[in-house]
Amino acid sequence: SFASCTYVCLTPTSMIASYTKNGRWSFILIDLSNESWQEMNLPVTDTIVLADTPLSDTKIALLGSSETSFNTVFTLEMADTVELDALKVASELPMPSSLVSKPEHLSFPRVHGENLEGVAHAIFYAPQNPDYQPPSGALPPLIVCVHGGPTSQTGTGLNITNQYWTSRGYAVVWVNYGGSSGYGRAYRDDLNGQWGKNSTLMANVPNSLPKLTKSD
């Protein structure tokens, strides 16, 4: 991928764009003639890259994933009806829905660094395995991860590594630290002139899996 394209002009008066809020991406169709827009409510919520050249006045190609599906190449037709057709998925690995941990967006007060105003953000995955239950009152071990950058962000698309750990009793959290994209210009600008000063945060992971008991 040479660049990320988040909007495509379809005609002189219409365009489609993608935007992110709280780690999830959405599509909007924009009418330039009256400066109005409408949500498209498509089931693609992460890793969205639009082909910068439309296939027609009503059709584009894009790459995207969701909380329950891997990266997929789609075509999106916006004529009389909206049709999203999958052309090729990145992985055919079967993922039982009962084992998929759904992401939760978290915001929390800042406690480190020079700028402690406002909040920081993260994507949290709870342990998920219907065949096992933790001991009463126990908290799961937590793996803390940070994305590369210096800007960029971690989204909510299906990630097999996250699901590997959550299906085995671990919780996973990806921190969208100050300087990440997707939370406004002021948040992203926290890293201006500060590249290389953020330490990588990784929680200590125990040598053995947590003790789980087989459920009925």
Protein backbone atom coordinates (compact mmCIF):
# COMPACT_ATOMS: atom_id res chain seq x y z
CA SER A 1 0.00 0.00 0.00
CA PHE A 2 1.65 3.21 -1.15
CA ALA A 3 -0.88 5.53 0.46
CA SER A 4 -4.22 5.60 2.20
CA CYS A 5 -7.14 7.16 0.34
CA THR A 6 -10.19 8.04 2.43
CA TYR A 7 -12.36 9.76 -0.18
CA VAL A 8 -13.18 9.37 -3.86
CA CYS A 9 -14.93 11.82 -6.19
CA LEU A 10 -17.63 9.98 -8.15
CA THR A 11 -19.06 12.87 -10.16
CA PRO A 12 -18.58 16.66 -10.11
CA THR A 13 -21.30 16.82 -7.42
CA SER A 14 -20.87 13.61 -5.40
CA MET A 15 -18.18 11.82 -3.46
CA ILE A 16 -17.82 8.96 -0.98
CA ALA A 17 -15.62 9.22 2.10
CA SER A 18 -14.66 7.16 5.12
CA TYR A 19 -14.09 8.50 8.61
CA THR A 20 -13.12 7.07 11.98
CA LYS A 21 -14.61 7.62 15.43
CA ASN A 22 -13.63 5.71 18.59
CA GLY A 23 -11.62 3.17 16.61
CA ARG A 24 -14.40 2.31 14.14
CA TRP A 25 -14.65 3.42 10.52
CA SER A 26 -17.82 4.40 8.67
CA PHE A 27 -18.78 5.53 5.16
CA ILE A 28 -20.66 8.66 4.14
CA LEU A 29 -22.01 9.72 0.76
CA ILE A 30 -21.57 13.47 0.20
CA ASP A 31 -23.70 15.66 -2.06
CA LEU A 32 -21.45 18.58 -3.02
CA SER A 33 -24.29 20.50 -4.66
CA ASN A 34 -25.96 21.25 -1.33
CA GLU A 35 -23.13 20.31 1.08
CA SER A 36 -25.15 17.50 2.69
CA TRP A 37 -24.15 13.94 3.57
CA GLN A 38 -25.68 10.66 4.69
CA GLU A 39 -24.39 7.61 6.56
CA MET A 40 -24.17 4.41 4.52
CA ASN A 41 -24.18 1.94 7.45
CA LEU A 42 -21.93 -0.64 5.78
CA PRO A 43 -20.59 -3.71 7.65
CA VAL A 44 -16.95 -2.64 7.11
CA THR A 45 -15.44 -0.96 10.17
CA ASP A 46 -11.63 -1.12 9.92
CA THR A 47 -8.55 -1.01 7.65
CA ILE A 48 -10.54 0.94 5.09
CA VAL A 49 -8.60 1.97 1.99
CA LEU A 50 -10.50 3.26 -1.02
CA ALA A 51 -9.19 2.87 -4.55
CA ASP A 52 -8.45 6.44 -5.64
CA THR A 53 -10.06 5.95 -9.07
CA PRO A 54 -13.78 4.98 -9.20
CA LEU A 55 -14.88 2.08 -11.37
CA SER A 56 -17.85 4.17 -12.56
CA ASP A 57 -19.97 7.12 -11.43
CA THR A 58 -21.64 4.82 -8.90
CA LYS A 59 -19.05 2.12 -8.16
CA ILE A 60 -15.72 1.94 -6.30
CA ALA A 61 -13.28 -0.71 -5.06
CA LEU A 62 -12.08 -0.83 -1.46
CA LEU A 63 -10.23 -2.87 1.13
CA GLY A 64 -11.67 -3.35 4.62
CA SER A 65 -12.45 -5.64 7.53
CA SER A 66 -14.81 -5.75 10.52
CA GLU A 67 -14.96 -7.03 14.10
CA THR A 68 -15.87 -10.49 12.80
CA SER A 69 -14.30 -10.66 9.32
CA PHE A 70 -10.77 -10.54 7.89
CA ASN A 71 -9.48 -8.00 5.37
CA THR A 72 -11.46 -8.29 2.15
CA VAL A 73 -11.38 -6.64 -1.27
CA PHE A 74 -14.88 -5.34 -2.08
CA THR A 75 -16.71 -3.49 -4.79
CA LEU A 76 -19.34 -1.01 -3.63
CA GLU A 77 -22.16 -0.13 -6.02
CA MET A 78 -24.33 2.90 -5.14
CA ALA A 79 -27.01 3.02 -7.84
CA ASP A 80 -30.70 2.30 -7.16
CA THR A 81 -29.64 0.13 -4.24
CA VAL A 82 -26.38 -0.16 -2.29
CA GLU A 83 -24.54 -3.42 -3.03
CA LEU A 84 -21.31 -4.47 -1.28
CA ASP A 85 -19.74 -7.48 -3.03
CA ALA A 86 -16.74 -9.39 -1.65
CA LEU A 87 -14.14 -10.26 -4.30
CA LYS A 88 -11.36 -11.82 -2.23
CA VAL A 89 -10.83 -12.38 1.50
CA ALA A 90 -7.31 -12.36 2.99
CA SER A 91 -7.83 -15.58 4.97
CA GLU A 92 -10.23 -18.52 4.74
CA LEU A 93 -9.40 -19.59 8.30
CA PRO A 94 -12.68 -20.56 10.00
CA MET A 95 -13.44 -18.47 13.08
CA PRO A 96 -16.27 -19.85 15.26
CA SER A 97 -18.38 -16.87 16.36
CA SER A 98 -18.46 -18.26 19.91
CA LEU A 99 -14.69 -17.72 20.18
CA VAL A 100 -14.55 -14.21 18.72
CA SER A 101 -13.91 -11.53 21.33
CA LYS A 102 -15.60 -8.27 20.26
CA PRO A 103 -13.55 -5.07 20.78
CA GLU A 104 -14.61 -2.40 23.27
CA HIS A 105 -13.42 1.20 22.97
CA LEU A 106 -12.07 2.68 26.22
CA SER A 107 -11.19 6.25 27.20
CA PHE A 108 -9.30 6.94 30.42
CA PRO A 109 -7.46 9.80 32.21
CA ARG A 110 -3.84 10.38 31.27
CA VAL A 111 -1.36 9.65 34.06
CA HIS A 112 2.03 9.88 32.27
CA GLY A 113 3.76 12.46 30.12
CA GLU A 114 3.86 16.24 30.03
CA ASN A 115 0.28 16.72 28.79
CA LEU A 116 -2.18 15.25 31.30
CA GLU A 117 -5.21 17.12 30.00
CA GLY A 118 -8.11 15.17 28.56
CA VAL A 119 -8.10 11.41 28.07
CA ALA A 120 -6.23 8.68 26.20
CA HIS A 121 -7.87 5.83 24.29
CA ALA A 122 -7.58 2.07 23.81
CA ILE A 123 -9.26 -0.96 22.22
CA PHE A 124 -9.98 -3.73 24.75
CA TYR A 125 -10.63 -7.44 24.09
CA ALA A 126 -11.98 -9.55 26.95
CA PRO A 127 -11.27 -13.29 27.26
CA GLN A 128 -13.80 -15.29 25.27
CA ASN A 129 -14.22 -19.06 25.37
CA PRO A 130 -17.64 -20.54 26.19
CA ASP A 131 -16.09 -23.88 27.23
CA TYR A 132 -14.13 -22.39 30.14
CA GLN A 133 -14.86 -20.10 33.07
CA PRO A 134 -12.37 -18.30 35.36
CA PRO A 135 -12.38 -18.83 39.13
CA SER A 136 -14.89 -16.63 40.94
CA GLY A 137 -13.55 -13.11 41.55
CA ALA A 138 -10.38 -13.66 39.49
CA LEU A 139 -9.10 -11.12 36.98
CA PRO A 140 -7.51 -12.32 33.72
CA PRO A 141 -3.86 -11.64 32.83
CA LEU A 142 -3.64 -8.63 30.51
CA ILE A 143 -1.43 -8.15 27.46
CA VAL A 144 -0.89 -4.43 26.70
CA CYS A 145 0.16 -3.52 23.14
CA VAL A 146 0.94 -0.32 21.25
CA HIS A 147 0.81 0.26 17.51
CA GLY A 148 3.64 1.57 15.39
CA GLY A 149 3.61 5.02 14.01
CA PRO A 150 4.51 7.56 15.10
CA THR A 151 0.90 8.44 14.29
CA SER A 152 -1.58 5.83 12.92
CA GLN A 153 -4.00 3.93 15.17
CA THR A 154 -5.21 0.47 16.11
CA GLY A 155 -8.74 -0.23 14.88
CA THR A 156 -11.34 -2.89 15.55
CA GLY A 157 -10.85 -5.30 12.63
CA LEU A 158 -10.59 -9.04 13.22
CA ASN A 159 -7.03 -9.91 14.27
CA ILE A 160 -6.15 -13.60 14.66
CA THR A 161 -3.36 -12.89 17.16
CA ASN A 162 -5.76 -11.10 19.51
CA GLN A 163 -8.23 -13.98 19.22
CA TYR A 164 -5.49 -16.53 19.93
CA TRP A 165 -4.90 -14.96 23.34
CA THR A 166 -8.51 -14.14 24.26
CA SER A 167 -9.64 -17.71 23.49
CA ARG A 168 -7.01 -18.91 25.99
CA GLY A 169 -8.02 -16.76 28.93
CA TYR A 170 -6.04 -13.57 28.35
CA ALA A 171 -7.37 -10.05 27.95
CA VAL A 172 -5.71 -7.86 25.29
CA VAL A 173 -5.67 -4.06 25.08
CA TRP A 174 -4.23 -1.91 22.29
CA VAL A 175 -3.40 1.64 23.40
CA ASN A 176 -4.08 4.49 20.98
CA TYR A 177 -1.69 6.78 22.85
CA GLY A 178 -1.54 10.57 22.55
CA GLY A 179 -0.29 11.20 19.03
CA SER A 180 -2.45 8.52 17.41
CA SER A 181 -4.65 9.46 14.49
CA GLY A 182 -8.44 9.19 14.53
CA TYR A 183 -9.15 11.37 17.57
CA GLY A 184 -8.77 14.84 16.10
CA ARG A 185 -5.86 17.02 15.08
CA ALA A 186 -5.01 18.23 18.61
CA TYR A 187 -4.66 14.63 19.86
CA ARG A 188 -2.50 13.65 16.90
CA ASP A 189 -0.32 16.74 17.30
CA ASP A 190 0.74 15.57 20.79
CA LEU A 191 3.65 13.81 19.07
CA ASN A 192 4.89 16.84 17.15
CA GLY A 193 8.57 17.18 18.01
CA GLN A 194 8.33 14.19 20.37
CA TRP A 195 9.09 11.23 18.09
CA GLY A 196 11.01 8.47 19.82
CA LYS A 197 10.19 9.62 23.34
CA ASN A 198 7.24 7.28 23.90
CA SER A 199 8.37 4.05 25.53
CA THR A 200 6.87 0.82 24.30
CA LEU A 201 4.37 -0.48 26.84
CA MET A 202 4.02 -4.22 27.18
CA ALA A 203 2.60 -5.89 30.24
CA ASN A 204 4.39 -8.82 31.83
CA VAL A 205 2.79 -11.98 30.56
CA PRO A 206 2.86 -14.98 32.94
CA ASN A 207 4.78 -18.06 31.87
CA SER A 208 1.72 -20.26 32.15
CA LEU A 209 -1.92 -19.92 31.15
CA PRO A 210 -4.40 -18.86 33.83
CA LYS A 211 -6.13 -21.64 35.70
CA LEU A 212 -9.51 -22.20 34.09
CA THR A 213 -12.21 -24.68 34.93
CA LYS A 214 -14.22 -26.57 32.35
CA SER A 215 -17.81 -25.33 32.27
CA ASP A 216 -20.88 -27.47 31.84
